[in-house]
């Protein structure tokens, strides 16, 4: 096939004319495209999230403590502490006699206590 030079120049003239002329859209076509876009947009819209009601402070505290199970355990431990404080068992009195009046001396309970001072001694 032979290609004539006039075919290329004629085609170039058409391209140049198309570059200088702005495209004009039909108003009816633009209205249809806009209606279709609005319908597609409405199909994908989600309802606005509802505002969560404010959680009372006591419920936040209850959740922070582990729920009813955590509060029940803490109440039980507190009541046992109060009970032992008011009427201690006889075995706890014997432990109180072991402690000296000025504080607890760990020497009789932990024989290795104070070995770090042995290294500081001269001799």
PDB file of N, CA and C in Angstrom:
ATOM      1  N   UNK A   1       0.832  -1.163   0.000  1.00  0.00           N
ATOM      2  CA  UNK A   1       0.000   0.000   0.000  1.00  0.00           C
ATOM      3  C   UNK A   1       0.878   1.228   0.000  1.00  0.00           C
ATOM      4  N   UNK A   2       0.515   2.075  -0.765  1.00  0.00           N
ATOM      5  CA  UNK A   2       1.262   3.327  -0.824  1.00  0.00           C
ATOM      6  C   UNK A   2       0.498   4.387  -0.047  1.00  0.00           C
ATOM      7  N   UNK A   3       1.254   5.182   0.569  1.00  0.00           N
ATOM      8  CA  UNK A   3       0.659   6.202   1.408  1.00  0.00           C
ATOM      9  C   UNK A   3       0.951   7.553   0.763  1.00  0.00           C
ATOM     10  N   UNK A   4      -0.064   8.287   0.597  1.00  0.00           N
ATOM     11  CA  UNK A   4       0.122   9.591  -0.032  1.00  0.00           C
ATOM     12  C   UNK A   4       0.401  10.623   1.044  1.00  0.00           C
ATOM     13  N   UNK A   5       1.237  11.575   0.718  1.00  0.00           N
ATOM     14  CA  UNK A   5       1.602  12.613   1.673  1.00  0.00           C
ATOM     15  C   UNK A   5       0.416  13.517   1.989  1.00  0.00           C
ATOM     16  N   UNK A   6      -0.497  13.632   1.090  1.00  0.00           N
ATOM     17  CA  UNK A   6      -1.642  14.501   1.304  1.00  0.00           C
ATOM     18  C   UNK A   6      -2.571  13.935   2.386  1.00  0.00           C
ATOM     19  N   UNK A   7      -2.578  12.599   2.565  1.00  0.00           N
ATOM     20  CA  UNK A   7      -3.422  12.009   3.614  1.00  0.00           C
ATOM     21  C   UNK A   7      -2.945  12.444   5.003  1.00  0.00           C
ATOM     22  N   UNK A   8      -1.621  12.488   5.221  1.00  0.00           N
ATOM     23  CA  UNK A   8      -1.086  12.894   6.523  1.00  0.00           C
ATOM     24  C   UNK A   8      -1.363  14.373   6.801  1.00  0.00           C
ATOM     25  N   UNK A   9      -1.227  15.206   5.797  1.00  0.00           N
ATOM     26  CA  UNK A   9      -1.461  16.622   6.025  1.00  0.00           C
ATOM     27  C   UNK A   9      -2.930  16.923   6.241  1.00  0.00           C
ATOM     28  N   UNK A  10      -3.793  16.204   5.560  1.00  0.00           N
ATOM     29  CA  UNK A  10      -5.225  16.416   5.771  1.00  0.00           C
ATOM     30  C   UNK A  10      -5.622  16.000   7.187  1.00  0.00           C
ATOM     31  N   UNK A  11      -5.066  14.897   7.644  1.00  0.00           N
ATOM     32  CA  UNK A  11      -5.352  14.426   8.997  1.00  0.00           C
ATOM     33  C   UNK A  11      -4.795  15.391  10.036  1.00  0.00           C
ATOM     34  N   UNK A  12      -3.623  15.945   9.791  1.00  0.00           N
ATOM     35  CA  UNK A  12      -3.028  16.935  10.686  1.00  0.00           C
ATOM     36  C   UNK A  12      -3.874  18.181  10.779  1.00  0.00           C
ATOM     37  N   UNK A  13      -4.471  18.580   9.694  1.00  0.00           N
ATOM     38  CA  UNK A  13      -5.343  19.748   9.712  1.00  0.00           C
ATOM     39  C   UNK A  13      -6.572  19.510  10.589  1.00  0.00           C
ATOM     40  N   UNK A  14      -7.095  18.309  10.536  1.00  0.00           N
ATOM     41  CA  UNK A  14      -8.243  17.982  11.382  1.00  0.00           C
ATOM     42  C   UNK A  14      -7.860  18.017  12.880  1.00  0.00           C
ATOM     43  N   UNK A  15      -6.670  17.488  13.209  1.00  0.00           N
ATOM     44  CA  UNK A  15      -6.213  17.508  14.603  1.00  0.00           C
ATOM     45  C   UNK A  15      -5.986  18.936  15.094  1.00  0.00           C
ATOM     46  N   UNK A  16      -5.420  19.756  14.259  1.00  0.00           N
ATOM     47  CA  UNK A  16      -5.200  21.155  14.647  1.00  0.00           C
ATOM     48  C   UNK A  16      -6.533  21.875  14.862  1.00  0.00           C
ATOM     49  N   UNK A  17      -7.490  21.592  14.032  1.00  0.00           N
ATOM     50  CA  UNK A  17      -8.802  22.230  14.184  1.00  0.00           C
ATOM     51  C   UNK A  17      -9.476  21.758  15.477  1.00  0.00           C
ATOM     52  N   UNK A  18      -9.283  20.493  15.831  1.00  0.00           N
ATOM     53  CA  UNK A  18      -9.890  19.962  17.057  1.00  0.00           C
ATOM     54  C   UNK A  18      -9.225  20.548  18.306  1.00  0.00           C
ATOM     55  N   UNK A  19      -7.933  20.861  18.222  1.00  0.00           N
ATOM     56  CA  UNK A  19      -7.241  21.434  19.366  1.00  0.00           C
ATOM     57  C   UNK A  19      -7.702  22.872  19.634  1.00  0.00           C
ATOM     58  N   UNK A  20      -8.063  23.601  18.641  1.00  0.00           N
ATOM     59  CA  UNK A  20      -8.458  25.000  18.798  1.00  0.00           C
ATOM     60  C   UNK A  20      -9.932  25.163  19.135  1.00  0.00           C
ATOM     61  N   UNK A  21     -10.720  24.144  18.971  1.00  0.00           N
ATOM     62  CA  UNK A  21     -12.147  24.264  19.231  1.00  0.00           C
ATOM     63  C   UNK A  21     -12.467  23.564  20.567  1.00  0.00           C
ATOM     64  N   UNK A  22     -12.984  24.277  21.572  1.00  0.00           N
ATOM     65  CA  UNK A  22     -13.303  23.641  22.859  1.00  0.00           C
ATOM     66  C   UNK A  22     -14.491  22.696  22.701  1.00  0.00           C
ATOM     67  N   UNK A  23     -14.480  21.584  23.439  1.00  0.00           N
ATOM     68  CA  UNK A  23     -15.611  20.654  23.325  1.00  0.00           C
ATOM     69  C   UNK A  23     -16.858  21.249  23.982  1.00  0.00           C
ATOM     70  N   UNK A  24     -17.963  21.061  23.353  1.00  0.00           N
ATOM     71  CA  UNK A  24     -19.232  21.579  23.855  1.00  0.00           C
ATOM     72  C   UNK A  24     -20.105  20.379  24.196  1.00  0.00           C
ATOM     73  N   UNK A  25     -20.530  20.313  25.445  1.00  0.00           N
ATOM     74  CA  UNK A  25     -21.376  19.196  25.869  1.00  0.00           C
ATOM     75  C   UNK A  25     -22.844  19.587  25.733  1.00  0.00           C
ATOM     76  N   UNK A  26     -23.635  18.608  25.473  1.00  0.00           N
ATOM     77  CA  UNK A  26     -25.068  18.805  25.338  1.00  0.00           C
ATOM     78  C   UNK A  26     -25.660  18.970  26.743  1.00  0.00           C
ATOM     79  N   UNK A  27     -26.544  19.936  26.936  1.00  0.00           N
ATOM     80  CA  UNK A  27     -27.151  20.186  28.250  1.00  0.00           C
ATOM     81  C   UNK A  27     -27.956  18.990  28.720  1.00  0.00           C
ATOM     82  N   UNK A  28     -28.614  18.302  27.840  1.00  0.00           N
ATOM     83  CA  UNK A  28     -29.410  17.128  28.222  1.00  0.00           C
ATOM     84  C   UNK A  28     -28.499  16.004  28.714  1.00  0.00           C
ATOM     85  N   UNK A  29     -27.347  15.850  28.063  1.00  0.00           N
ATOM     86  CA  UNK A  29     -26.395  14.824  28.480  1.00  0.00           C
ATOM     87  C   UNK A  29     -25.835  15.151  29.862  1.00  0.00           C
ATOM     88  N   UNK A  30     -25.479  16.403  30.092  1.00  0.00           N
ATOM     89  CA  UNK A  30     -24.965  16.813  31.400  1.00  0.00           C
ATOM     90  C   UNK A  30     -26.008  16.598  32.496  1.00  0.00           C
ATOM     91  N   UNK A  31     -27.279  16.862  32.207  1.00  0.00           N
ATOM     92  CA  UNK A  31     -28.336  16.649  33.204  1.00  0.00           C
ATOM     93  C   UNK A  31     -28.482  15.167  33.527  1.00  0.00           C
ATOM     94  N   UNK A  32     -28.377  14.304  32.527  1.00  0.00           N
ATOM     95  CA  UNK A  32     -28.468  12.862  32.754  1.00  0.00           C
ATOM     96  C   UNK A  32     -27.279  12.349  33.574  1.00  0.00           C
ATOM     97  N   UNK A  33     -26.088  12.844  33.266  1.00  0.00           N
ATOM     98  CA  UNK A  33     -24.899  12.423  34.013  1.00  0.00           C
ATOM     99  C   UNK A  33     -25.003  12.880  35.465  1.00  0.00           C
ATOM    100  N   UNK A  34     -25.472  14.101  35.681  1.00  0.00           N
ATOM    101  CA  UNK A  34     -25.621  14.615  37.039  1.00  0.00           C
ATOM    102  C   UNK A  34     -26.678  13.836  37.814  1.00  0.00           C
ATOM    103  N   UNK A  35     -27.775  13.501  37.213  1.00  0.00           N
ATOM    104  CA  UNK A  35     -28.822  12.722  37.885  1.00  0.00           C
ATOM    105  C   UNK A  35     -28.310  11.330  38.234  1.00  0.00           C
ATOM    106  N   UNK A  36     -27.552  10.721  37.326  1.00  0.00           N
ATOM    107  CA  UNK A  36     -26.991   9.400  37.586  1.00  0.00           C
ATOM    108  C   UNK A  36     -25.977   9.457  38.730  1.00  0.00           C
ATOM    109  N   UNK A  37     -25.156  10.500  38.772  1.00  0.00           N
ATOM    110  CA  UNK A  37     -24.170  10.645  39.837  1.00  0.00           C
ATOM    111  C   UNK A  37     -24.847  10.847  41.191  1.00  0.00           C
ATOM    112  N   UNK A  38     -25.895  11.663  41.231  1.00  0.00           N
ATOM    113  CA  UNK A  38     -26.615  11.879  42.490  1.00  0.00           C
ATOM    114  C   UNK A  38     -27.294  10.604  42.978  1.00  0.00           C
ATOM    115  N   UNK A  39     -27.826   9.796  42.047  1.00  0.00           N
ATOM    116  CA  UNK A  39     -28.456   8.535  42.440  1.00  0.00           C
ATOM    117  C   UNK A  39     -27.415   7.557  42.982  1.00  0.00           C
ATOM    118  N   UNK A  40     -26.245   7.513  42.357  1.00  0.00           N
ATOM    119  CA  UNK A  40     -25.190   6.621  42.842  1.00  0.00           C
ATOM    120  C   UNK A  40     -24.659   7.088  44.186  1.00  0.00           C
ATOM    121  N   UNK A  41     -24.596   8.387  44.383  1.00  0.00           N
ATOM    122  CA  UNK A  41     -24.117   8.936  45.645  1.00  0.00           C
ATOM    123  C   UNK A  41     -25.105   8.634  46.772  1.00  0.00           C
ATOM    124  N   UNK A  42     -26.375   8.726  46.496  1.00  0.00           N
ATOM    125  CA  UNK A  42     -27.389   8.463  47.515  1.00  0.00           C
ATOM    126  C   UNK A  42     -27.396   6.991  47.912  1.00  0.00           C
ATOM    127  N   UNK A  43     -27.056   6.113  46.980  1.00  0.00           N
ATOM    128  CA  UNK A  43     -27.040   4.680  47.287  1.00  0.00           C
ATOM    129  C   UNK A  43     -25.902   4.323  48.231  1.00  0.00           C
ATOM    130  N   UNK A  44     -24.833   5.088  48.239  1.00  0.00           N
ATOM    131  CA  UNK A  44     -23.664   4.762  49.060  1.00  0.00           C
ATOM    132  C   UNK A  44     -23.566   5.582  50.329  1.00  0.00           C
ATOM    133  N   UNK A  45     -24.537   6.426  50.598  1.00  0.00           N
ATOM    134  CA  UNK A  45     -24.493   7.249  51.806  1.00  0.00           C
ATOM    135  C   UNK A  45     -24.893   6.417  53.020  1.00  0.00           C
ATOM    136  N   UNK A  46     -24.164   6.594  54.087  1.00  0.00           N
ATOM    137  CA  UNK A  46     -24.469   5.921  55.341  1.00  0.00           C
ATOM    138  C   UNK A  46     -25.154   6.914  56.260  1.00  0.00           C
ATOM    139  N   UNK A  47     -26.021   6.434  57.123  1.00  0.00           N
ATOM    140  CA  UNK A  47     -26.666   7.378  58.047  1.00  0.00           C
ATOM    141  C   UNK A  47     -25.631   7.946  59.013  1.00  0.00           C
ATOM    142  N   UNK A  48     -25.896   9.132  59.475  1.00  0.00           N
ATOM    143  CA  UNK A  48     -24.975   9.778  60.412  1.00  0.00           C
ATOM    144  C   UNK A  48     -24.951   8.987  61.718  1.00  0.00           C
ATOM    145  N   UNK A  49     -23.774   8.808  62.296  1.00  0.00           N
ATOM    146  CA  UNK A  49     -23.728   8.050  63.549  1.00  0.00           C
ATOM    147  C   UNK A  49     -24.428   8.800  64.674  1.00  0.00           C
ATOM    148  N   UNK A  50     -25.144   8.027  65.468  1.00  0.00           N
ATOM    149  CA  UNK A  50     -25.845   8.633  66.589  1.00  0.00           C
ATOM    150  C   UNK A  50     -24.851   8.883  67.714  1.00  0.00           C
ATOM    151  N   UNK A  51     -25.099   9.927  68.439  1.00  0.00           N
ATOM    152  CA  UNK A  51     -24.232  10.251  69.574  1.00  0.00           C
ATOM    153  C   UNK A  51     -24.462   9.226  70.683  1.00  0.00           C
ATOM    154  N   UNK A  52     -23.366   8.708  71.218  1.00  0.00           N
ATOM    155  CA  UNK A  52     -23.465   7.742  72.301  1.00  0.00           C
ATOM    156  C   UNK A  52     -23.860   8.472  73.582  1.00  0.00           C
ATOM    157  N   UNK A  53     -24.748   7.860  74.358  1.00  0.00           N
ATOM    158  CA  UNK A  53     -25.117   8.520  75.609  1.00  0.00           C
ATOM    159  C   UNK A  53     -23.932   8.520  76.571  1.00  0.00           C
ATOM    160  N   UNK A  54     -23.877   9.520  77.406  1.00  0.00           N
ATOM    161  CA  UNK A  54     -22.783   9.638  78.361  1.00  0.00           C
ATOM    162  C   UNK A  54     -22.871   8.499  79.385  1.00  0.00           C
ATOM    163  N   UNK A  55     -21.729   7.861  79.648  1.00  0.00           N
ATOM    164  CA  UNK A  55     -21.677   6.764  80.607  1.00  0.00           C
ATOM    165  C   UNK A  55     -21.471   7.372  81.995  1.00  0.00           C
ATOM    166  N   UNK A  56     -22.301   6.988  82.972  1.00  0.00           N
ATOM    167  CA  UNK A  56     -22.141   7.548  84.320  1.00  0.00           C
ATOM    168  C   UNK A  56     -20.788   7.167  84.922  1.00  0.00           C
ATOM    169  N   UNK A  57     -20.351   7.972  85.865  1.00  0.00           N
ATOM    170  CA  UNK A  57     -19.051   7.778  86.494  1.00  0.00           C
ATOM    171  C   UNK A  57     -18.965   6.449  87.234  1.00  0.00           C
ATOM    172  N   UNK A  58     -20.040   6.045  87.889  1.00  0.00           N
ATOM    173  CA  UNK A  58     -19.991   4.793  88.639  1.00  0.00           C
ATOM    174  C   UNK A  58     -19.848   3.602  87.714  1.00  0.00           C
ATOM    175  N   UNK A  59     -20.410   3.675  86.516  1.00  0.00           N
ATOM    176  CA  UNK A  59     -20.244   2.578  85.557  1.00  0.00           C
ATOM    177  C   UNK A  59     -18.817   2.540  85.017  1.00  0.00           C
ATOM    178  N   UNK A  60     -18.213   3.697  84.797  1.00  0.00           N
ATOM    179  CA  UNK A  60     -16.822   3.731  84.359  1.00  0.00           C
ATOM    180  C   UNK A  60     -15.915   3.151  85.426  1.00  0.00           C
ATOM    181  N   UNK A  61     -16.171   3.495  86.694  1.00  0.00           N
ATOM    182  CA  UNK A  61     -15.375   2.968  87.800  1.00  0.00           C
ATOM    183  C   UNK A  61     -15.565   1.460  87.934  1.00  0.00           C
ATOM    184  N   UNK A  62     -16.791   1.008  87.772  1.00  0.00           N
ATOM    185  CA  UNK A  62     -17.075  -0.424  87.836  1.00  0.00           C
ATOM    186  C   UNK A  62     -16.338  -1.175  86.740  1.00  0.00           C
ATOM    187  N   UNK A  63     -16.301  -0.627  85.541  1.00  0.00           N
ATOM    188  CA  UNK A  63     -15.579  -1.270  84.434  1.00  0.00           C
ATOM    189  C   UNK A  63     -14.075  -1.256  84.677  1.00  0.00           C
ATOM    190  N   UNK A  64     -13.560  -0.178  85.272  1.00  0.00           N
ATOM    191  CA  UNK A  64     -12.121  -0.097  85.536  1.00  0.00           C
ATOM    192  C   UNK A  64     -11.684  -1.095  86.597  1.00  0.00           C
ATOM    193  N   UNK A  65     -12.579  -1.443  87.520  1.00  0.00           N
ATOM    194  CA  UNK A  65     -12.243  -2.391  88.581  1.00  0.00           C
ATOM    195  C   UNK A  65     -12.470  -3.844  88.180  1.00  0.00           C
ATOM    196  N   UNK A  66     -12.939  -4.093  86.981  1.00  0.00           N
ATOM    197  CA  UNK A  66     -13.108  -5.466  86.512  1.00  0.00           C
ATOM    198  C   UNK A  66     -14.530  -5.963  86.566  1.00  0.00           C
ATOM    199  N   UNK A  67     -15.469  -5.070  86.641  1.00  0.00           N
ATOM    200  CA  UNK A  67     -16.870  -5.484  86.669  1.00  0.00           C
ATOM    201  C   UNK A  67     -17.295  -5.913  88.064  1.00  0.00           C
ATOM    202  N   UNK A  68     -18.449  -6.603  88.114  1.00  0.00           N
ATOM    203  CA  UNK A  68     -18.984  -7.020  89.408  1.00  0.00           C
ATOM    204  C   UNK A  68     -18.079  -8.042  90.084  1.00  0.00           C
ATOM    205  N   UNK A  69     -17.377  -8.867  89.287  1.00  0.00           N
ATOM    206  CA  UNK A  69     -16.491  -9.857  89.884  1.00  0.00           C
ATOM    207  C   UNK A  69     -15.335  -9.182  90.612  1.00  0.00           C
ATOM    208  N   UNK A  70     -14.739  -8.181  90.011  1.00  0.00           N
ATOM    209  CA  UNK A  70     -13.639  -7.468  90.651  1.00  0.00           C
ATOM    210  C   UNK A  70     -14.076  -6.729  91.897  1.00  0.00           C
ATOM    211  N   UNK A  71     -15.244  -6.082  91.825  1.00  0.00           N
ATOM    212  CA  UNK A  71     -15.751  -5.350  92.986  1.00  0.00           C
ATOM    213  C   UNK A  71     -16.114  -6.327  94.100  1.00  0.00           C
ATOM    214  N   UNK A  72     -16.668  -7.482  93.742  1.00  0.00           N
ATOM    215  CA  UNK A  72     -16.994  -8.492  94.752  1.00  0.00           C
ATOM    216  C   UNK A  72     -15.750  -9.015  95.459  1.00  0.00           C
ATOM    217  N   UNK A  73     -14.681  -9.250  94.704  1.00  0.00           N
ATOM    218  CA  UNK A  73     -13.423  -9.703  95.306  1.00  0.00           C
ATOM    219  C   UNK A  73     -12.819  -8.653  96.213  1.00  0.00           C
ATOM    220  N   UNK A  74     -12.879  -7.395  95.787  1.00  0.00           N
ATOM    221  CA  UNK A  74     -12.330  -6.321  96.624  1.00  0.00           C
ATOM    222  C   UNK A  74     -13.155  -6.137  97.892  1.00  0.00           C
ATOM    223  N   UNK A  75     -14.465  -6.264  97.784  1.00  0.00           N
ATOM    224  CA  UNK A  75     -15.310  -6.131  98.972  1.00  0.00           C
ATOM    225  C   UNK A  75     -15.036  -7.271  99.949  1.00  0.00           C
ATOM    226  N   UNK A  76     -14.877  -8.477  99.424  1.00  0.00           N
ATOM    227  CA  UNK A  76     -14.581  -9.620 100.292  1.00  0.00           C
ATOM    228  C   UNK A  76     -13.246  -9.437 100.986  1.00  0.00           C
ATOM    229  N   UNK A  77     -12.218  -9.020 100.252  1.00  0.00           N
ATOM    230  CA  UNK A  77     -10.901  -8.808 100.858  1.00  0.00           C
ATOM    231  C   UNK A  77     -10.950  -7.689 101.900  1.00  0.00           C
ATOM    232  N   UNK A  78     -11.711  -6.660 101.632  1.00  0.00           N
ATOM    233  CA  UNK A  78     -11.838  -5.566 102.598  1.00  0.00           C
ATOM    234  C   UNK A  78     -12.533  -6.014 103.878  1.00  0.00           C
ATOM    235  N   UNK A  79     -13.602  -6.795 103.728  1.00  0.00           N
ATOM    236  CA  UNK A  79     -14.311  -7.273 104.913  1.00  0.00           C
ATOM    237  C   UNK A  79     -13.459  -8.239 105.732  1.00  0.00           C
ATOM    238  N   UNK A  80     -12.677  -9.085 105.065  1.00  0.00           N
ATOM    239  CA  UNK A  80     -11.775  -9.989 105.792  1.00  0.00           C
ATOM    240  C   UNK A  80     -10.721  -9.180 106.536  1.00  0.00           C
ATOM    241  N   UNK A  81     -10.210  -8.122 105.944  1.00  0.00           N
ATOM    242  CA  UNK A  81      -9.234  -7.272 106.617  1.00  0.00           C
ATOM    243  C   UNK A  81      -9.807  -6.590 107.837  1.00  0.00           C
ATOM    244  N   UNK A  82     -11.045  -6.110 107.729  1.00  0.00           N
ATOM    245  CA  UNK A  82     -11.697  -5.481 108.879  1.00  0.00           C
ATOM    246  C   UNK A  82     -11.932  -6.511 109.975  1.00  0.00           C
ATOM    247  N   UNK A  83     -12.363  -7.704 109.575  1.00  0.00           N
ATOM    248  CA  UNK A  83     -12.632  -8.760 110.552  1.00  0.00           C
ATOM    249  C   UNK A  83     -11.346  -9.158 111.281  1.00  0.00           C
ATOM    250  N   UNK A  84     -10.256  -9.325 110.526  1.00  0.00           N
ATOM    251  CA  UNK A  84      -8.982  -9.685 111.163  1.00  0.00           C
ATOM    252  C   UNK A  84      -8.433  -8.537 112.004  1.00  0.00           C
ATOM    253  N   UNK A  85      -8.759  -7.321 111.663  1.00  0.00           N
ATOM    254  CA  UNK A  85      -8.301  -6.185 112.453  1.00  0.00           C
ATOM    255  C   UNK A  85      -9.015  -6.076 113.785  1.00  0.00           C
ATOM    256  N   UNK A  86     -10.309  -6.382 113.815  1.00  0.00           N
ATOM    257  CA  UNK A  86     -11.064  -6.280 115.073  1.00  0.00           C
ATOM    258  C   UNK A  86     -10.904  -7.499 115.974  1.00  0.00           C
ATOM    259  N   UNK A  87     -10.909  -8.672 115.383  1.00  0.00           N
ATOM    260  CA  UNK A  87     -10.771  -9.878 116.208  1.00  0.00           C
ATOM    261  C   UNK A  87      -9.755 -10.815 115.553  1.00  0.00           C
ATOM    262  N   UNK A  88      -8.463 -10.550 115.764  1.00  0.00           N
ATOM    263  CA  UNK A  88      -7.445 -11.392 115.125  1.00  0.00           C
ATOM    264  C   UNK A  88      -7.441 -12.793 115.739  1.00  0.00           C
ATOM    265  N   UNK A  89      -7.108 -13.811 114.938  1.00  0.00           N
ATOM    266  CA  UNK A  89      -7.016 -15.157 115.484  1.00  0.00           C
ATOM    267  C   UNK A  89      -5.837 -15.266 116.453  1.00  0.00           C
ATOM    268  N   UNK A  90      -5.837 -16.309 117.254  1.00  0.00           N
ATOM    269  CA  UNK A  90      -4.807 -16.475 118.280  1.00  0.00           C
ATOM    270  C   UNK A  90      -3.426 -16.635 117.659  1.00  0.00           C
ATOM    271  N   UNK A  91      -3.318 -17.192 116.487  1.00  0.00           N
ATOM    272  CA  UNK A  91      -2.018 -17.387 115.838  1.00  0.00           C
ATOM    273  C   UNK A  91      -1.340 -16.081 115.457  1.00  0.00           C
ATOM    274  N   UNK A  92      -2.088 -15.057 115.213  1.00  0.00           N
ATOM    275  CA  UNK A  92      -1.489 -13.775 114.842  1.00  0.00           C
ATOM    276  C   UNK A  92      -0.856 -13.078 116.047  1.00  0.00           C
ATOM    277  N   UNK A  93      -1.330 -13.353 117.250  1.00  0.00           N
ATOM    278  CA  UNK A  93      -0.723 -12.764 118.444  1.00  0.00           C
ATOM    279  C   UNK A  93       0.691 -13.288 118.661  1.00  0.00           C
ATOM    280  N   UNK A  94       0.929 -14.557 118.362  1.00  0.00           N
ATOM    281  CA  UNK A  94       2.267 -15.137 118.514  1.00  0.00           C
ATOM    282  C   UNK A  94       3.244 -14.494 117.537  1.00  0.00           C
ATOM    283  N   UNK A  95       2.805 -14.169 116.351  1.00  0.00           N
ATOM    284  CA  UNK A  95       3.684 -13.502 115.373  1.00  0.00           C
ATOM    285  C   UNK A  95       4.029 -12.085 115.827  1.00  0.00           C
ATOM    286  N   UNK A  96       3.100 -11.436 116.516  1.00  0.00           N
ATOM    287  CA  UNK A  96       3.363 -10.086 116.993  1.00  0.00           C
ATOM    288  C   UNK A  96       4.420 -10.086 118.090  1.00  0.00           C
ATOM    289  N   UNK A  97       4.506 -11.151 118.859  1.00  0.00           N
ATOM    290  CA  UNK A  97       5.508 -11.236 119.926  1.00  0.00           C
ATOM    291  C   UNK A  97       6.914 -11.436 119.372  1.00  0.00           C
ATOM    292  N   UNK A  98       7.042 -12.004 118.173  1.00  0.00           N
ATOM    293  CA  UNK A  98       8.356 -12.238 117.576  1.00  0.00           C
ATOM    294  C   UNK A  98       9.031 -10.951 117.140  1.00  0.00           C
ATOM    295  N   UNK A  99       8.289  -9.958 116.796  1.00  0.00           N
ATOM    296  CA  UNK A  99       8.851  -8.699 116.307  1.00  0.00           C
ATOM    297  C   UNK A  99       9.298  -7.845 117.479  1.00  0.00           C
ATOM    298  N   UNK A 100      10.511  -7.292 117.406  1.00  0.00           N
ATOM    299  CA  UNK A 100      10.944  -6.397 118.479  1.00  0.00           C
ATOM    300  C   UNK A 100      10.154  -5.087 118.435  1.00  0.00           C
ATOM    301  N   UNK A 101      10.240  -4.340 119.482  1.00  0.00           N
ATOM    302  CA  UNK A 101       9.441  -3.124 119.596  1.00  0.00           C
ATOM    303  C   UNK A 101       9.881  -2.051 118.599  1.00  0.00           C
ATOM    304  N   UNK A 102      11.176  -2.007 118.245  1.00  0.00           N
ATOM    305  CA  UNK A 102      11.649  -0.938 117.357  1.00  0.00           C
ATOM    306  C   UNK A 102      11.533  -1.299 115.883  1.00  0.00           C
ATOM    307  N   UNK A 103      11.207  -2.507 115.548  1.00  0.00           N
ATOM    308  CA  UNK A 103      11.057  -2.887 114.147  1.00  0.00           C
ATOM    309  C   UNK A 103      11.323  -4.362 113.962  1.00  0.00           C
ATOM    310  N   UNK A 104      11.215  -4.808 112.757  1.00  0.00           N
ATOM    311  CA  UNK A 104      11.396  -6.221 112.457  1.00  0.00           C
ATOM    312  C   UNK A 104      12.857  -6.488 112.148  1.00  0.00           C
ATOM    313  N   UNK A 105      13.452  -7.411 112.869  1.00  0.00           N
ATOM    314  CA  UNK A 105      14.836  -7.796 112.628  1.00  0.00           C
ATOM    315  C   UNK A 105      14.824  -9.073 111.810  1.00  0.00           C
ATOM    316  N   UNK A 106      15.366  -9.022 110.610  1.00  0.00           N
ATOM    317  CA  UNK A 106      15.346 -10.186 109.731  1.00  0.00           C
ATOM    318  C   UNK A 106      16.470 -11.174 110.029  1.00  0.00           C
ATOM    319  N   UNK A 107      17.308 -10.893 111.018  1.00  0.00           N
ATOM    320  CA  UNK A 107      18.438 -11.765 111.303  1.00  0.00           C
ATOM    321  C   UNK A 107      18.031 -13.161 111.709  1.00  0.00           C
ATOM    322  N   UNK A 108      16.977 -13.321 112.467  1.00  0.00           N
ATOM    323  CA  UNK A 108      16.573 -14.649 112.904  1.00  0.00           C
ATOM    324  C   UNK A 108      15.781 -15.393 111.840  1.00  0.00           C
ATOM    325  N   UNK A 109      15.193 -14.676 110.884  1.00  0.00           N
ATOM    326  CA  UNK A 109      14.421 -15.342 109.842  1.00  0.00           C
ATOM    327  C   UNK A 109      15.239 -15.615 108.590  1.00  0.00           C
ATOM    328  N   UNK A 110      16.227 -14.807 108.302  1.00  0.00           N
ATOM    329  CA  UNK A 110      17.049 -14.961 107.105  1.00  0.00           C
ATOM    330  C   UNK A 110      18.513 -14.968 107.529  1.00  0.00           C
ATOM    331  N   UNK A 111      19.134 -16.159 107.694  1.00  0.00           N
ATOM    332  CA  UNK A 111      20.514 -16.214 108.156  1.00  0.00           C
ATOM    333  C   UNK A 111      21.490 -15.538 107.209  1.00  0.00           C
ATOM    334  N   UNK A 112      21.184 -15.457 105.946  1.00  0.00           N
ATOM    335  CA  UNK A 112      22.093 -14.862 104.982  1.00  0.00           C
ATOM    336  C   UNK A 112      21.998 -13.343 104.961  1.00  0.00           C
ATOM    337  N   UNK A 113      21.124 -12.804 105.780  1.00  0.00           N
ATOM    338  CA  UNK A 113      20.932 -11.362 105.796  1.00  0.00           C
ATOM    339  C   UNK A 113      22.180 -10.702 106.383  1.00  0.00           C
ATOM    340  N   UNK A 114      22.728  -9.751 105.707  1.00  0.00           N
ATOM    341  CA  UNK A 114      23.889  -9.041 106.180  1.00  0.00           C
ATOM    342  C   UNK A 114      25.215  -9.575 105.651  1.00  0.00           C
ATOM    343  N   UNK A 115      25.196 -10.545 104.759  1.00  0.00           N
ATOM    344  CA  UNK A 115      26.445 -11.066 104.193  1.00  0.00           C
ATOM    345  C   UNK A 115      27.121 -10.058 103.281  1.00  0.00           C
ATOM    346  N   UNK A 116      26.383  -9.104 102.793  1.00  0.00           N
ATOM    347  CA  UNK A 116      27.011  -8.083 101.946  1.00  0.00           C
ATOM    348  C   UNK A 116      27.949  -7.201 102.762  1.00  0.00           C
ATOM    349  N   UNK A 117      27.727  -7.113 104.056  1.00  0.00           N
ATOM    350  CA  UNK A 117      28.622  -6.323 104.922  1.00  0.00           C
ATOM    351  C   UNK A 117      29.902  -7.081 105.279  1.00  0.00           C
ATOM    352  N   UNK A 118      29.907  -8.397 105.141  1.00  0.00           N
ATOM    353  CA  UNK A 118      31.088  -9.208 105.449  1.00  0.00           C
ATOM    354  C   UNK A 118      32.232  -8.851 104.520  1.00  0.00           C
ATOM    355  N   UNK A 119      31.928  -8.557 103.275  1.00  0.00           N
ATOM    356  CA  UNK A 119      32.968  -8.233 102.301  1.00  0.00           C
ATOM    357  C   UNK A 119      33.619  -6.900 102.632  1.00  0.00           C
ATOM    358  N   UNK A 120      32.950  -6.029 103.364  1.00  0.00           N
ATOM    359  CA  UNK A 120      33.507  -4.722 103.696  1.00  0.00           C
ATOM    360  C   UNK A 120      34.444  -4.784 104.917  1.00  0.00           C
ATOM    361  N   UNK A 121      34.386  -5.864 105.679  1.00  0.00           N
ATOM    362  CA  UNK A 121      35.212  -5.964 106.876  1.00  0.00           C
ATOM    363  C   UNK A 121      36.670  -6.229 106.510  1.00  0.00           C
ATOM    364  N   UNK A 122      37.574  -5.674 107.284  1.00  0.00           N
ATOM    365  CA  UNK A 122      39.001  -5.910 107.065  1.00  0.00           C
ATOM    366  C   UNK A 122      39.438  -7.112 107.890  1.00  0.00           C
ATOM    367  N   UNK A 123      40.434  -7.812 107.378  1.00  0.00           N
ATOM    368  CA  UNK A 123      40.959  -8.864 108.218  1.00  0.00           C
ATOM    369  C   UNK A 123      41.198 -10.153 107.581  1.00  0.00           C
TER     370      UNK A 123
END
